Every structure is written in C-alpha cells, then in structure tokens.
Amino acid sequence: MHAVRGHRRGGPEVLAYETAPRPVPGEGEVLVQVRAASITAGELAWDATWTDSLAPGGKPRLPATPAKELAGVVVEGPGTGDEVFGLIPFTRDGAAAEFTAVPAEVLAPKPAGLGFEESAALTLAGLTAWQGLVRHGGPAEGRRVLVHGAAGGVGSLAVQIAAALGAEVIGTAGADHLDFVRGLGAARALDYRAEPFEDQVRDVDLVFDTAGGDVQQRSWQVLRDSGVLVSIVSPPEPPEPPEPPAGEGPRGTFFVVEPDRAGLVELTRLVDAGRLTVPVDQVIPLSGTSAAYAALEQRSRRGKIVLSVS
C-alpha cells in the first residue's frame, strides 16, 4: 500500500510518500480502508506522534505514520463493509495511509449526511469541542460562552455545538471571518485585532480557549465568579488577585482530547438534526501530505485540512 511515514522525528520535511507493508489487525482491531484523513496543527511536535508515550521519554516508534483522524470502510474484522469514522489513539500509527489497523472500540458509524472528508474533519476537532464544552465546561443551556479562534477547525465546531446546546455564543476571529462565525450560530463575532475582547465582553460563564498565551491570560477578566476557562493549549493559571476574593472565583482547566465513541455518536446526532456542519478548508491528496502539514502553519483557515486517500 501507499503511506506517508517519517523515519526520523521532525516537521513536514521528514515525511515521505512511499510504499509500506499493509497492516494486519490484532485482537480487538479492524482493518480500515482509509478514504480521508484529517490533520491538526502541532501534531508533528507531539511526543505521541513519534513514540509510545504521550509524555517526553517514550520509546521511539519509527517509521511513524501521522494523521489520527480518519473516515473509511472496514475491510477486515467485525463490521466489514461498514462506513466508519474515529479518532485513532495518539500513540498508534495514524491514517495517512491507504489502510490502517484501528481498535474497533474507537470507531463509530460515519454520519450519513457527511462525506468522508467532512467526517474525518469532525473527529478530533468535534470531540475536542464536545469534551471541552460538555465534560469540562458543564451544562451550556442559558449560559454565555466565549470561543477564541472561532473560525478554526475546533473553534468553528465549538461555536455550533454550544449554540445547539442552548448557549449564547460569542466568537473571536479575524475581520474577514466574522460573517462566517455569525453564520455558525454566534450571537456576536469580535475582530480580535480591532479592539481587545476584554473591553467588549463581560459576565462570561465559559471561555473555550484555543489560543493560549496572552489571550488565555486576558480571558480571566471576562469571566463571572462562577465561570470556567477551558483550554486545549496549556493549563490556565489565574492571575494573583490584588486582595483575597470574596468567593471562590472562576476556575481553569486544561485537557487533551481522547478517543470517544459515545462522543462521536452525539456529534452524529447533531449532524443528523441539521445543527452541525463541518467546515473543510482544503482537501489535499495523500501524496501531498508534507505540503498539507506545512499549510497548517502558513495562514488562517476556515475549518480543517483533509487528506484524500481514496
């Protein structure tokens, strides 16, 4: 089969489109013929992409195949012939290949209303948004939610999911993406370059942080005392108060998305109900994987970059 592999750790420059052995599924696994695989910014810097550990110090796992987000057809094992999608565990080879062996438990039926490209783009970004908003952020109905990077792969889905769950959503984005963000269901869309968001927003119940750094730190200013700052970038550290707070004050939490079949089923329900669409910025052939990863770092996007592997 054809696959994209890195024989040493590095960036897009180390990835080679080459012939590789077709994987053999083990116990509890199925073989999936990959139709589309989605990629994520920063993925080639993750320890898990190259080793057997999520943390530094793991055993090298080379050559390594990237892209943990897939949609395809089961061709060997239980459910042969089924169209599926899912998030591959990070310490396994990914889906930038014509075939991949995947634990059956992380796969779910592909949404009938989406193509393979959109389904692949939904997996990591959709689960990140769902887990951040629901599992770590708490009930969304009737709450005010601020989403940073609202036009990006994760942010665009977080806006839609929060709105579908009954939240009042505010999104930050570049000026050329504001109409797009409002079209996703945001009640307000703020140009983060024009005026500081903390001067425009107050009494936020939940901040969904996809930016980190200074944006994350400034987000504490807009939260209610009972609010929560959920970050997918780094653990939020609240500023030192000038005096002891009257109450507990807002809290912060950081998480790493996990494969989640039940979460995929919930996302599919939103798709089927017409409450969730999946923006795809570009579709690039498997042979162009190296260029696709380079494109992740070069410009702002509306949605995900997807590899076509059909």
C-alpha atoms as a PDB file:
ATOM      1  CA  MET A   1       0.000   0.000   0.000  1.00  0.00           C
ATOM      2  CA  HIS A   2       0.981   3.666  -0.159  1.00  0.00           C
ATOM      3  CA  ALA A   3       1.547   5.530   3.094  1.00  0.00           C
ATOM      4  CA  VAL A   4       3.166   8.671   4.435  1.00  0.00           C
ATOM      5  CA  ARG A   5       5.854   7.969   7.014  1.00  0.00           C
ATOM      6  CA  GLY A   6       8.571   9.769   8.909  1.00  0.00           C
ATOM      7  CA  HIS A   7      11.741   7.776   9.521  1.00  0.00           C
ATOM      8  CA  ARG A   8      13.040  10.368  11.953  1.00  0.00           C
ATOM      9  CA  ARG A   9      11.412  12.929  14.170  1.00  0.00           C
ATOM     10  CA  GLY A  10      10.822  16.343  12.623  1.00  0.00           C
ATOM     11  CA  GLY A  11       8.426  18.591  10.752  1.00  0.00           C
ATOM     12  CA  PRO A  12       6.764  18.286   7.330  1.00  0.00           C
ATOM     13  CA  GLU A  13      10.194  17.928   5.679  1.00  0.00           C
ATOM     14  CA  VAL A  14      10.741  14.432   7.160  1.00  0.00           C
ATOM     15  CA  LEU A  15       7.517  12.954   5.746  1.00  0.00           C
ATOM     16  CA  ALA A  16       7.863  10.642   2.749  1.00  0.00           C
ATOM     17  CA  TYR A  17       5.126   9.255   0.495  1.00  0.00           C
ATOM     18  CA  GLU A  18       6.227   5.670  -0.027  1.00  0.00           C
ATOM     19  CA  THR A  19       5.291   2.017  -0.222  1.00  0.00           C
ATOM     20  CA  ALA A  20       4.735   0.365   3.162  1.00  0.00           C
ATOM     21  CA  PRO A  21       3.505  -3.020   4.431  1.00  0.00           C
ATOM     22  CA  ARG A  22      -0.246  -3.338   4.733  1.00  0.00           C
ATOM     23  CA  PRO A  23      -1.036  -3.621   8.466  1.00  0.00           C
ATOM     24  CA  VAL A  24      -2.507  -6.770   9.986  1.00  0.00           C
ATOM     25  CA  PRO A  25      -5.218  -6.131  12.600  1.00  0.00           C
ATOM     26  CA  GLY A  26      -4.710  -7.668  16.021  1.00  0.00           C
ATOM     27  CA  GLU A  27      -7.175  -8.733  18.668  1.00  0.00           C
ATOM     28  CA  GLY A  28      -9.941  -6.174  19.090  1.00  0.00           C
ATOM     29  CA  GLU A  29      -8.906  -4.339  15.924  1.00  0.00           C
ATOM     30  CA  VAL A  30     -10.312  -3.908  12.444  1.00  0.00           C
ATOM     31  CA  LEU A  31      -8.598  -3.024   9.178  1.00  0.00           C
ATOM     32  CA  VAL A  32      -9.957   0.173   7.651  1.00  0.00           C
ATOM     33  CA  GLN A  33      -9.503   1.231   4.066  1.00  0.00           C
ATOM     34  CA  VAL A  34      -8.931   4.947   4.602  1.00  0.00           C
ATOM     35  CA  ARG A  35     -10.924   7.292   2.396  1.00  0.00           C
ATOM     36  CA  ALA A  36      -9.958  10.539   4.154  1.00  0.00           C
ATOM     37  CA  ALA A  37      -7.686  11.617   6.990  1.00  0.00           C
ATOM     38  CA  SER A  38      -7.644  14.982   8.717  1.00  0.00           C
ATOM     39  CA  ILE A  39      -4.579  16.677  10.192  1.00  0.00           C
ATOM     40  CA  THR A  40      -4.011  19.038  13.110  1.00  0.00           C
ATOM     41  CA  ALA A  41      -1.614  21.925  13.694  1.00  0.00           C
ATOM     42  CA  GLY A  42       1.218  20.950  16.033  1.00  0.00           C
ATOM     43  CA  GLU A  43       0.694  17.223  15.526  1.00  0.00           C
ATOM     44  CA  LEU A  44       4.246  16.637  14.302  1.00  0.00           C
ATOM     45  CA  ALA A  45       5.578  18.149  17.539  1.00  0.00           C
ATOM     46  CA  TRP A  46       3.621  15.751  19.778  1.00  0.00           C
ATOM     47  CA  ASP A  47       5.704  13.125  21.554  1.00  0.00           C
ATOM     48  CA  ALA A  48       2.976  10.577  20.862  1.00  0.00           C
ATOM     49  CA  THR A  49       3.361  11.023  17.099  1.00  0.00           C
ATOM     50  CA  TRP A  50       6.867   9.567  17.268  1.00  0.00           C
ATOM     51  CA  THR A  51       6.968   7.470  20.462  1.00  0.00           C
ATOM     52  CA  ASP A  52       4.853   5.110  22.534  1.00  0.00           C
ATOM     53  CA  SER A  53       4.141   7.785  25.165  1.00  0.00           C
ATOM     54  CA  LEU A  54       2.101  10.963  25.494  1.00  0.00           C
ATOM     55  CA  ALA A  55       4.905  12.475  27.570  1.00  0.00           C
ATOM     56  CA  PRO A  56       8.626  13.004  26.879  1.00  0.00           C
ATOM     57  CA  GLY A  57      10.856   9.963  27.327  1.00  0.00           C
ATOM     58  CA  GLY A  58       8.827   7.398  25.422  1.00  0.00           C
ATOM     59  CA  LYS A  59      10.328   4.655  23.277  1.00  0.00           C
ATOM     60  CA  PRO A  60      10.746   5.749  19.631  1.00  0.00           C
ATOM     61  CA  ARG A  61       8.137   4.327  17.253  1.00  0.00           C
ATOM     62  CA  LEU A  62       9.657   4.695  13.789  1.00  0.00           C
ATOM     63  CA  PRO A  63       8.850   4.895  10.971  1.00  0.00           C
ATOM     64  CA  ALA A  64       5.697   6.693  12.080  1.00  0.00           C
ATOM     65  CA  THR A  65       2.554   7.490  10.110  1.00  0.00           C
ATOM     66  CA  PRO A  66       0.766  10.736  11.119  1.00  0.00           C
ATOM     67  CA  ALA A  67      -2.881  11.879  10.969  1.00  0.00           C
ATOM     68  CA  LYS A  68      -5.041  10.469  13.760  1.00  0.00           C
ATOM     69  CA  GLU A  69      -8.429  11.440  12.286  1.00  0.00           C
ATOM     70  CA  LEU A  70      -9.973   9.080   9.780  1.00  0.00           C
ATOM     71  CA  ALA A  71     -13.024   8.067   7.841  1.00  0.00           C
ATOM     72  CA  GLY A  72     -13.187   4.957   5.733  1.00  0.00           C
ATOM     73  CA  VAL A  73     -14.590   1.472   5.230  1.00  0.00           C
ATOM     74  CA  VAL A  74     -13.954  -1.611   7.362  1.00  0.00           C
ATOM     75  CA  VAL A  75     -12.438  -4.295   5.110  1.00  0.00           C
ATOM     76  CA  GLU A  76     -11.395  -6.872   7.702  1.00  0.00           C
ATOM     77  CA  GLY A  77     -12.846  -7.757  11.091  1.00  0.00           C
ATOM     78  CA  PRO A  78     -16.262  -7.170  12.708  1.00  0.00           C
ATOM     79  CA  GLY A  79     -18.445  -4.820  10.688  1.00  0.00           C
ATOM     80  CA  THR A  80     -16.734  -5.491   7.367  1.00  0.00           C
ATOM     81  CA  GLY A  81     -18.288  -3.190   4.781  1.00  0.00           C
ATOM     82  CA  ASP A  82     -19.347  -0.543   7.304  1.00  0.00           C
ATOM     83  CA  GLU A  83     -18.512   3.105   6.743  1.00  0.00           C
ATOM     84  CA  VAL A  84     -16.879   4.411   9.925  1.00  0.00           C
ATOM     85  CA  PHE A  85     -15.059   7.376  11.387  1.00  0.00           C
ATOM     86  CA  GLY A  86     -12.998   7.881  14.507  1.00  0.00           C
ATOM     87  CA  LEU A  87     -10.011   9.253  16.358  1.00  0.00           C
ATOM     88  CA  ILE A  88      -7.014   6.911  16.476  1.00  0.00           C
ATOM     89  CA  PRO A  89      -5.206   6.695  19.851  1.00  0.00           C
ATOM     90  CA  PHE A  90      -2.281   9.106  19.697  1.00  0.00           C
ATOM     91  CA  THR A  91       0.453   6.545  20.388  1.00  0.00           C
ATOM     92  CA  ARG A  92      -0.510   4.447  17.343  1.00  0.00           C
ATOM     93  CA  ASP A  93       0.215   4.951  13.658  1.00  0.00           C
ATOM     94  CA  GLY A  94      -2.242   7.300  12.006  1.00  0.00           C
ATOM     95  CA  ALA A  95      -4.398   7.340   8.904  1.00  0.00           C
ATOM     96  CA  ALA A  96      -2.100   8.931   6.302  1.00  0.00           C
ATOM     97  CA  ALA A  97      -2.102   5.585   4.501  1.00  0.00           C
ATOM     98  CA  GLU A  98      -4.363   3.518   2.272  1.00  0.00           C
ATOM     99  CA  PHE A  99      -5.073   1.092   5.130  1.00  0.00           C
ATOM    100  CA  THR A 100      -4.771   1.294   8.902  1.00  0.00           C
ATOM    101  CA  ALA A 101      -5.458  -1.089  11.789  1.00  0.00           C
ATOM    102  CA  VAL A 102      -7.636   0.566  14.440  1.00  0.00           C
ATOM    103  CA  PRO A 103      -9.168  -0.564  17.759  1.00  0.00           C
ATOM    104  CA  ALA A 104     -12.808  -1.260  16.929  1.00  0.00           C
ATOM    105  CA  GLU A 105     -13.951   0.434  20.144  1.00  0.00           C
ATOM    106  CA  VAL A 106     -12.875   3.923  18.991  1.00  0.00           C
ATOM    107  CA  LEU A 107     -14.881   3.825  15.743  1.00  0.00           C
ATOM    108  CA  ALA A 108     -18.488   4.853  15.144  1.00  0.00           C
ATOM    109  CA  PRO A 109     -20.764   4.697  12.088  1.00  0.00           C
ATOM    110  CA  LYS A 110     -19.969   7.544   9.698  1.00  0.00           C
ATOM    111  CA  PRO A 111     -22.672  10.226   9.664  1.00  0.00           C
ATOM    112  CA  ALA A 112     -24.957   9.507   6.720  1.00  0.00           C
ATOM    113  CA  GLY A 113     -25.228  13.210   5.924  1.00  0.00           C
ATOM    114  CA  LEU A 114     -21.493  13.795   5.597  1.00  0.00           C
ATOM    115  CA  GLY A 115     -18.919  12.742   3.040  1.00  0.00           C
ATOM    116  CA  PHE A 116     -15.694  11.017   4.036  1.00  0.00           C
ATOM    117  CA  GLU A 117     -13.740  14.294   4.036  1.00  0.00           C
ATOM    118  CA  GLU A 118     -16.135  16.080   6.389  1.00  0.00           C
ATOM    119  CA  SER A 119     -16.416  13.013   8.613  1.00  0.00           C
ATOM    120  CA  ALA A 120     -12.646  12.809   9.024  1.00  0.00           C
ATOM    121  CA  ALA A 121     -12.535  16.529   9.798  1.00  0.00           C
ATOM    122  CA  LEU A 122     -15.178  16.087  12.501  1.00  0.00           C
ATOM    123  CA  THR A 123     -13.346  13.519  14.634  1.00  0.00           C
ATOM    124  CA  LEU A 124     -10.596  15.262  16.631  1.00  0.00           C
ATOM    125  CA  ALA A 125     -11.987  18.782  16.317  1.00  0.00           C
ATOM    126  CA  GLY A 126     -15.540  17.709  17.108  1.00  0.00           C
ATOM    127  CA  LEU A 127     -14.547  15.561  20.067  1.00  0.00           C
ATOM    128  CA  THR A 128     -12.318  18.349  21.384  1.00  0.00           C
ATOM    129  CA  ALA A 129     -15.189  20.823  21.238  1.00  0.00           C
ATOM    130  CA  TRP A 130     -17.701  18.354  22.683  1.00  0.00           C
ATOM    131  CA  GLN A 131     -15.500  17.202  25.545  1.00  0.00           C
ATOM    132  CA  GLY A 132     -14.396  20.746  26.371  1.00  0.00           C
ATOM    133  CA  LEU A 133     -17.894  22.186  26.404  1.00  0.00           C
ATOM    134  CA  VAL A 134     -19.828  19.294  27.943  1.00  0.00           C
ATOM    135  CA  ARG A 135     -17.423  17.211  30.012  1.00  0.00           C
ATOM    136  CA  HIS A 136     -15.162  20.001  31.271  1.00  0.00           C
ATOM    137  CA  GLY A 137     -17.321  23.095  30.921  1.00  0.00           C
ATOM    138  CA  GLY A 138     -20.635  21.901  32.325  1.00  0.00           C
ATOM    139  CA  PRO A 139     -24.187  22.458  31.058  1.00  0.00           C
ATOM    140  CA  ALA A 140     -24.333  25.036  28.257  1.00  0.00           C
ATOM    141  CA  GLU A 141     -28.043  25.908  28.147  1.00  0.00           C
ATOM    142  CA  GLY A 142     -28.691  29.512  29.105  1.00  0.00           C
ATOM    143  CA  ARG A 143     -25.008  30.305  29.622  1.00  0.00           C
ATOM    144  CA  ARG A 144     -22.747  32.800  27.862  1.00  0.00           C
ATOM    145  CA  VAL A 145     -19.826  31.125  26.065  1.00  0.00           C
ATOM    146  CA  LEU A 146     -16.809  32.882  24.539  1.00  0.00           C
ATOM    147  CA  VAL A 147     -14.938  30.867  21.896  1.00  0.00           C
ATOM    148  CA  HIS A 148     -11.474  32.018  20.853  1.00  0.00           C
ATOM    149  CA  GLY A 149     -10.371  31.113  17.314  1.00  0.00           C
ATOM    150  CA  ALA A 150     -13.999  30.677  16.328  1.00  0.00           C
ATOM    151  CA  ALA A 151     -13.263  30.230  12.601  1.00  0.00           C
ATOM    152  CA  GLY A 152     -10.695  27.456  13.082  1.00  0.00           C
ATOM    153  CA  GLY A 153     -11.102  23.703  12.971  1.00  0.00           C
ATOM    154  CA  VAL A 154     -12.007  23.290  16.650  1.00  0.00           C
ATOM    155  CA  GLY A 155     -13.472  26.738  17.238  1.00  0.00           C
ATOM    156  CA  SER A 156     -15.940  26.538  14.343  1.00  0.00           C
ATOM    157  CA  LEU A 157     -17.383  23.335  15.791  1.00  0.00           C
ATOM    158  CA  ALA A 158     -17.361  24.663  19.361  1.00  0.00           C
ATOM    159  CA  VAL A 159     -19.477  27.629  18.256  1.00  0.00           C
ATOM    160  CA  GLN A 160     -22.044  25.351  16.621  1.00  0.00           C
ATOM    161  CA  ILE A 161     -22.158  22.819  19.447  1.00  0.00           C
ATOM    162  CA  ALA A 162     -22.506  25.474  22.152  1.00  0.00           C
ATOM    163  CA  ALA A 163     -25.292  27.186  20.204  1.00  0.00           C
ATOM    164  CA  ALA A 164     -27.055  23.867  19.602  1.00  0.00           C
ATOM    165  CA  LEU A 165     -26.917  23.156  23.348  1.00  0.00           C
ATOM    166  CA  GLY A 166     -28.643  26.452  24.123  1.00  0.00           C
ATOM    167  CA  ALA A 167     -25.768  28.810  24.910  1.00  0.00           C
ATOM    168  CA  GLU A 168     -25.351  32.445  23.908  1.00  0.00           C
ATOM    169  CA  VAL A 169     -22.123  32.265  21.905  1.00  0.00           C
ATOM    170  CA  ILE A 170     -19.539  34.979  21.285  1.00  0.00           C
ATOM    171  CA  GLY A 171     -16.662  34.174  18.950  1.00  0.00           C
ATOM    172  CA  THR A 172     -13.346  35.905  18.271  1.00  0.00           C
ATOM    173  CA  ALA A 173     -11.814  35.759  14.789  1.00  0.00           C
ATOM    174  CA  GLY A 174     -10.111  37.850  12.139  1.00  0.00           C
ATOM    175  CA  ALA A 175     -12.109  40.571  10.391  1.00  0.00           C
ATOM    176  CA  ASP A 176     -12.547  38.524   7.203  1.00  0.00           C
ATOM    177  CA  HIS A 177     -14.093  35.627   9.171  1.00  0.00           C
ATOM    178  CA  LEU A 178     -16.717  37.490  11.220  1.00  0.00           C
ATOM    179  CA  ASP A 179     -19.672  36.797   8.911  1.00  0.00           C
ATOM    180  CA  PHE A 180     -18.619  33.146   8.762  1.00  0.00           C
ATOM    181  CA  VAL A 181     -18.598  32.908  12.572  1.00  0.00           C
ATOM    182  CA  ARG A 182     -22.013  34.548  12.849  1.00  0.00           C
ATOM    183  CA  GLY A 183     -23.288  32.080  10.267  1.00  0.00           C
ATOM    184  CA  LEU A 184     -22.187  29.228  12.537  1.00  0.00           C
ATOM    185  CA  GLY A 185     -24.586  30.440  15.222  1.00  0.00           C
ATOM    186  CA  ALA A 186     -22.613  33.022  17.202  1.00  0.00           C
ATOM    187  CA  ALA A 187     -24.722  35.852  18.587  1.00  0.00           C
ATOM    188  CA  ARG A 188     -21.661  38.130  18.321  1.00  0.00           C
ATOM    189  CA  ALA A 189     -18.407  37.880  16.389  1.00  0.00           C
ATOM    190  CA  LEU A 190     -15.472  40.050  17.516  1.00  0.00           C
ATOM    191  CA  ASP A 191     -12.444  41.088  15.483  1.00  0.00           C
ATOM    192  CA  TYR A 192      -9.627  40.220  17.852  1.00  0.00           C
ATOM    193  CA  ARG A 193      -7.270  42.639  16.078  1.00  0.00           C
ATOM    194  CA  ALA A 194      -9.524  45.692  16.155  1.00  0.00           C
ATOM    195  CA  GLU A 195     -10.274  46.002  19.866  1.00  0.00           C
ATOM    196  CA  PRO A 196      -9.372  43.855  22.894  1.00  0.00           C
ATOM    197  CA  PHE A 197     -12.153  41.371  23.544  1.00  0.00           C
ATOM    198  CA  GLU A 198     -11.936  42.058  27.288  1.00  0.00           C
ATOM    199  CA  ASP A 199     -13.126  45.611  26.565  1.00  0.00           C
ATOM    200  CA  GLN A 200     -16.226  44.289  24.777  1.00  0.00           C
ATOM    201  CA  VAL A 201     -17.349  41.277  26.802  1.00  0.00           C
ATOM    202  CA  ARG A 202     -18.305  40.707  30.432  1.00  0.00           C
ATOM    203  CA  ASP A 203     -20.052  38.105  32.605  1.00  0.00           C
ATOM    204  CA  VAL A 204     -18.970  35.071  30.584  1.00  0.00           C
ATOM    205  CA  ASP A 205     -19.791  31.658  32.035  1.00  0.00           C
ATOM    206  CA  LEU A 206     -17.344  29.659  29.928  1.00  0.00           C
ATOM    207  CA  VAL A 207     -14.316  30.621  27.856  1.00  0.00           C
ATOM    208  CA  PHE A 208     -13.209  27.991  25.332  1.00  0.00           C
ATOM    209  CA  ASP A 209      -9.543  28.759  24.705  1.00  0.00           C
ATOM    210  CA  THR A 210      -7.854  27.571  21.507  1.00  0.00           C
ATOM    211  CA  ALA A 211      -5.189  30.299  21.514  1.00  0.00           C
ATOM    212  CA  GLY A 212      -3.298  30.195  24.814  1.00  0.00           C
ATOM    213  CA  GLY A 213      -0.662  32.742  25.788  1.00  0.00           C
ATOM    214  CA  ASP A 214      -1.772  36.322  26.271  1.00  0.00           C
ATOM    215  CA  VAL A 215      -5.291  35.597  25.004  1.00  0.00           C
ATOM    216  CA  GLN A 216      -5.738  32.946  27.673  1.00  0.00           C
ATOM    217  CA  GLN A 217      -4.436  35.199  30.430  1.00  0.00           C
ATOM    218  CA  ARG A 218      -6.668  38.113  29.425  1.00  0.00           C
ATOM    219  CA  SER A 219      -9.681  35.800  29.394  1.00  0.00           C
ATOM    220  CA  TRP A 220      -9.802  35.729  33.193  1.00  0.00           C
ATOM    221  CA  GLN A 221     -11.021  39.335  33.074  1.00  0.00           C
ATOM    222  CA  VAL A 222     -14.293  38.456  31.328  1.00  0.00           C
ATOM    223  CA  LEU A 223     -15.375  35.504  33.496  1.00  0.00           C
ATOM    224  CA  ARG A 224     -18.053  35.554  36.149  1.00  0.00           C
ATOM    225  CA  ASP A 225     -17.007  34.465  39.628  1.00  0.00           C
ATOM    226  CA  SER A 226     -18.623  31.085  38.880  1.00  0.00           C
ATOM    227  CA  GLY A 227     -17.126  30.865  35.378  1.00  0.00           C
ATOM    228  CA  VAL A 228     -14.674  28.369  33.935  1.00  0.00           C
ATOM    229  CA  LEU A 229     -11.815  28.772  31.459  1.00  0.00           C
ATOM    230  CA  VAL A 230     -11.380  25.574  29.428  1.00  0.00           C
ATOM    231  CA  SER A 231      -8.133  25.434  27.455  1.00  0.00           C
ATOM    232  CA  ILE A 232      -6.842  22.970  24.881  1.00  0.00           C
ATOM    233  CA  VAL A 233      -3.480  24.777  24.735  1.00  0.00           C
ATOM    234  CA  SER A 234      -1.996  24.914  28.245  1.00  0.00           C
ATOM    235  CA  PRO A 235      -3.093  24.759  31.896  1.00  0.00           C
ATOM    236  CA  PRO A 236      -4.666  28.136  32.792  1.00  0.00           C
ATOM    237  CA  GLU A 237      -3.041  29.959  35.690  1.00  0.00           C
ATOM    238  CA  PRO A 238      -5.271  32.607  37.298  1.00  0.00           C
ATOM    239  CA  PRO A 239      -3.652  35.960  37.999  1.00  0.00           C
ATOM    240  CA  GLU A 240      -2.793  36.817  41.576  1.00  0.00           C
ATOM    241  CA  PRO A 241      -5.694  38.862  42.974  1.00  0.00           C
ATOM    242  CA  PRO A 242      -4.859  42.255  44.475  1.00  0.00           C
ATOM    243  CA  GLU A 243      -6.853  41.195  47.542  1.00  0.00           C
ATOM    244  CA  PRO A 244      -8.468  37.927  48.700  1.00  0.00           C
ATOM    245  CA  PRO A 245     -11.560  37.228  46.567  1.00  0.00           C
ATOM    246  CA  ALA A 246     -14.958  37.287  48.237  1.00  0.00           C
ATOM    247  CA  GLY A 247     -15.912  33.945  46.714  1.00  0.00           C
ATOM    248  CA  GLU A 248     -14.094  31.034  45.135  1.00  0.00           C
ATOM    249  CA  GLY A 249     -13.727  32.897  41.861  1.00  0.00           C
ATOM    250  CA  PRO A 250     -13.512  31.440  38.351  1.00  0.00           C
ATOM    251  CA  ARG A 251     -11.601  28.244  37.730  1.00  0.00           C
ATOM    252  CA  GLY A 252      -9.466  26.991  34.862  1.00  0.00           C
ATOM    253  CA  THR A 253      -8.953  23.561  33.377  1.00  0.00           C
ATOM    254  CA  PHE A 254      -6.809  22.040  30.635  1.00  0.00           C
ATOM    255  CA  PHE A 255      -7.460  18.763  28.844  1.00  0.00           C
ATOM    256  CA  VAL A 256      -6.256  16.607  25.979  1.00  0.00           C
ATOM    257  CA  VAL A 257      -8.951  15.112  23.777  1.00  0.00           C
ATOM    258  CA  GLU A 258      -9.452  11.346  23.973  1.00  0.00           C
ATOM    259  CA  PRO A 259     -10.907   8.814  21.534  1.00  0.00           C
ATOM    260  CA  ASP A 260     -14.587   8.646  22.413  1.00  0.00           C
ATOM    261  CA  ARG A 261     -17.113   6.521  20.536  1.00  0.00           C
ATOM    262  CA  ALA A 262     -20.019   7.871  22.604  1.00  0.00           C
ATOM    263  CA  GLY A 263     -18.970  11.426  21.810  1.00  0.00           C
ATOM    264  CA  LEU A 264     -18.891  10.622  18.095  1.00  0.00           C
ATOM    265  CA  VAL A 265     -22.438   9.301  18.347  1.00  0.00           C
ATOM    266  CA  GLU A 266     -23.560  12.572  19.981  1.00  0.00           C
ATOM    267  CA  LEU A 267     -21.869  14.599  17.233  1.00  0.00           C
ATOM    268  CA  THR A 268     -23.613  12.477  14.623  1.00  0.00           C
ATOM    269  CA  ARG A 269     -26.961  13.249  16.251  1.00  0.00           C
ATOM    270  CA  LEU A 270     -26.278  16.965  15.884  1.00  0.00           C
ATOM    271  CA  VAL A 271     -25.306  16.444  12.239  1.00  0.00           C
ATOM    272  CA  ASP A 272     -28.470  14.447  11.584  1.00  0.00           C
ATOM    273  CA  ALA A 273     -30.555  17.159  13.256  1.00  0.00           C
ATOM    274  CA  GLY A 274     -29.060  19.802  10.967  1.00  0.00           C
ATOM    275  CA  ARG A 275     -27.365  21.575  13.889  1.00  0.00           C
ATOM    276  CA  LEU A 276     -23.756  20.851  12.927  1.00  0.00           C
ATOM    277  CA  THR A 277     -21.869  21.333   9.674  1.00  0.00           C
ATOM    278  CA  VAL A 278     -18.168  20.636   9.237  1.00  0.00           C
ATOM    279  CA  PRO A 279     -16.101  23.335   7.510  1.00  0.00           C
ATOM    280  CA  VAL A 280     -13.274  21.947   5.372  1.00  0.00           C
ATOM    281  CA  ASP A 281     -10.656  24.446   4.283  1.00  0.00           C
ATOM    282  CA  GLN A 282      -8.715  22.296   1.810  1.00  0.00           C
ATOM    283  CA  VAL A 283      -8.674  18.724   0.509  1.00  0.00           C
ATOM    284  CA  ILE A 284      -5.183  17.583  -0.495  1.00  0.00           C
ATOM    285  CA  PRO A 285      -4.176  14.203  -1.972  1.00  0.00           C
ATOM    286  CA  LEU A 286      -2.251  11.763   0.218  1.00  0.00           C
ATOM    287  CA  SER A 287       0.884  12.330  -1.845  1.00  0.00           C
ATOM    288  CA  GLY A 288       0.790  15.995  -0.784  1.00  0.00           C
ATOM    289  CA  THR A 289       0.766  15.298   2.958  1.00  0.00           C
ATOM    290  CA  SER A 290       4.042  17.106   3.624  1.00  0.00           C
ATOM    291  CA  ALA A 291       2.727  20.252   1.941  1.00  0.00           C
ATOM    292  CA  ALA A 292      -0.561  19.897   3.835  1.00  0.00           C
ATOM    293  CA  TYR A 293       1.201  19.978   7.192  1.00  0.00           C
ATOM    294  CA  ALA A 294       3.231  22.979   6.070  1.00  0.00           C
ATOM    295  CA  ALA A 295      -0.005  24.748   5.073  1.00  0.00           C
ATOM    296  CA  LEU A 296      -1.334  24.347   8.613  1.00  0.00           C
ATOM    297  CA  GLU A 297       1.228  26.865   9.830  1.00  0.00           C
ATOM    298  CA  GLN A 298       1.075  29.355   6.954  1.00  0.00           C
ATOM    299  CA  ARG A 299      -2.311  31.046   7.079  1.00  0.00           C
ATOM    300  CA  SER A 300      -5.623  31.357   8.865  1.00  0.00           C
ATOM    301  CA  ARG A 301      -8.219  28.817   7.889  1.00  0.00           C
ATOM    302  CA  ARG A 302     -11.934  28.205   7.900  1.00  0.00           C
ATOM    303  CA  GLY A 303     -12.070  24.665   9.174  1.00  0.00           C
ATOM    304  CA  LYS A 304      -9.769  21.689   8.735  1.00  0.00           C
ATOM    305  CA  ILE A 305      -7.267  20.495   6.136  1.00  0.00           C
ATOM    306  CA  VAL A 306      -8.081  16.981   4.947  1.00  0.00           C
ATOM    307  CA  LEU A 307      -6.115  14.348   3.058  1.00  0.00           C
ATOM    308  CA  SER A 308      -7.973  12.463   0.350  1.00  0.00           C
ATOM    309  CA  VAL A 309      -6.868   8.814   0.431  1.00  0.00           C
ATOM    310  CA  SER A 310      -9.455   7.244  -1.846  1.00  0.00           C
END
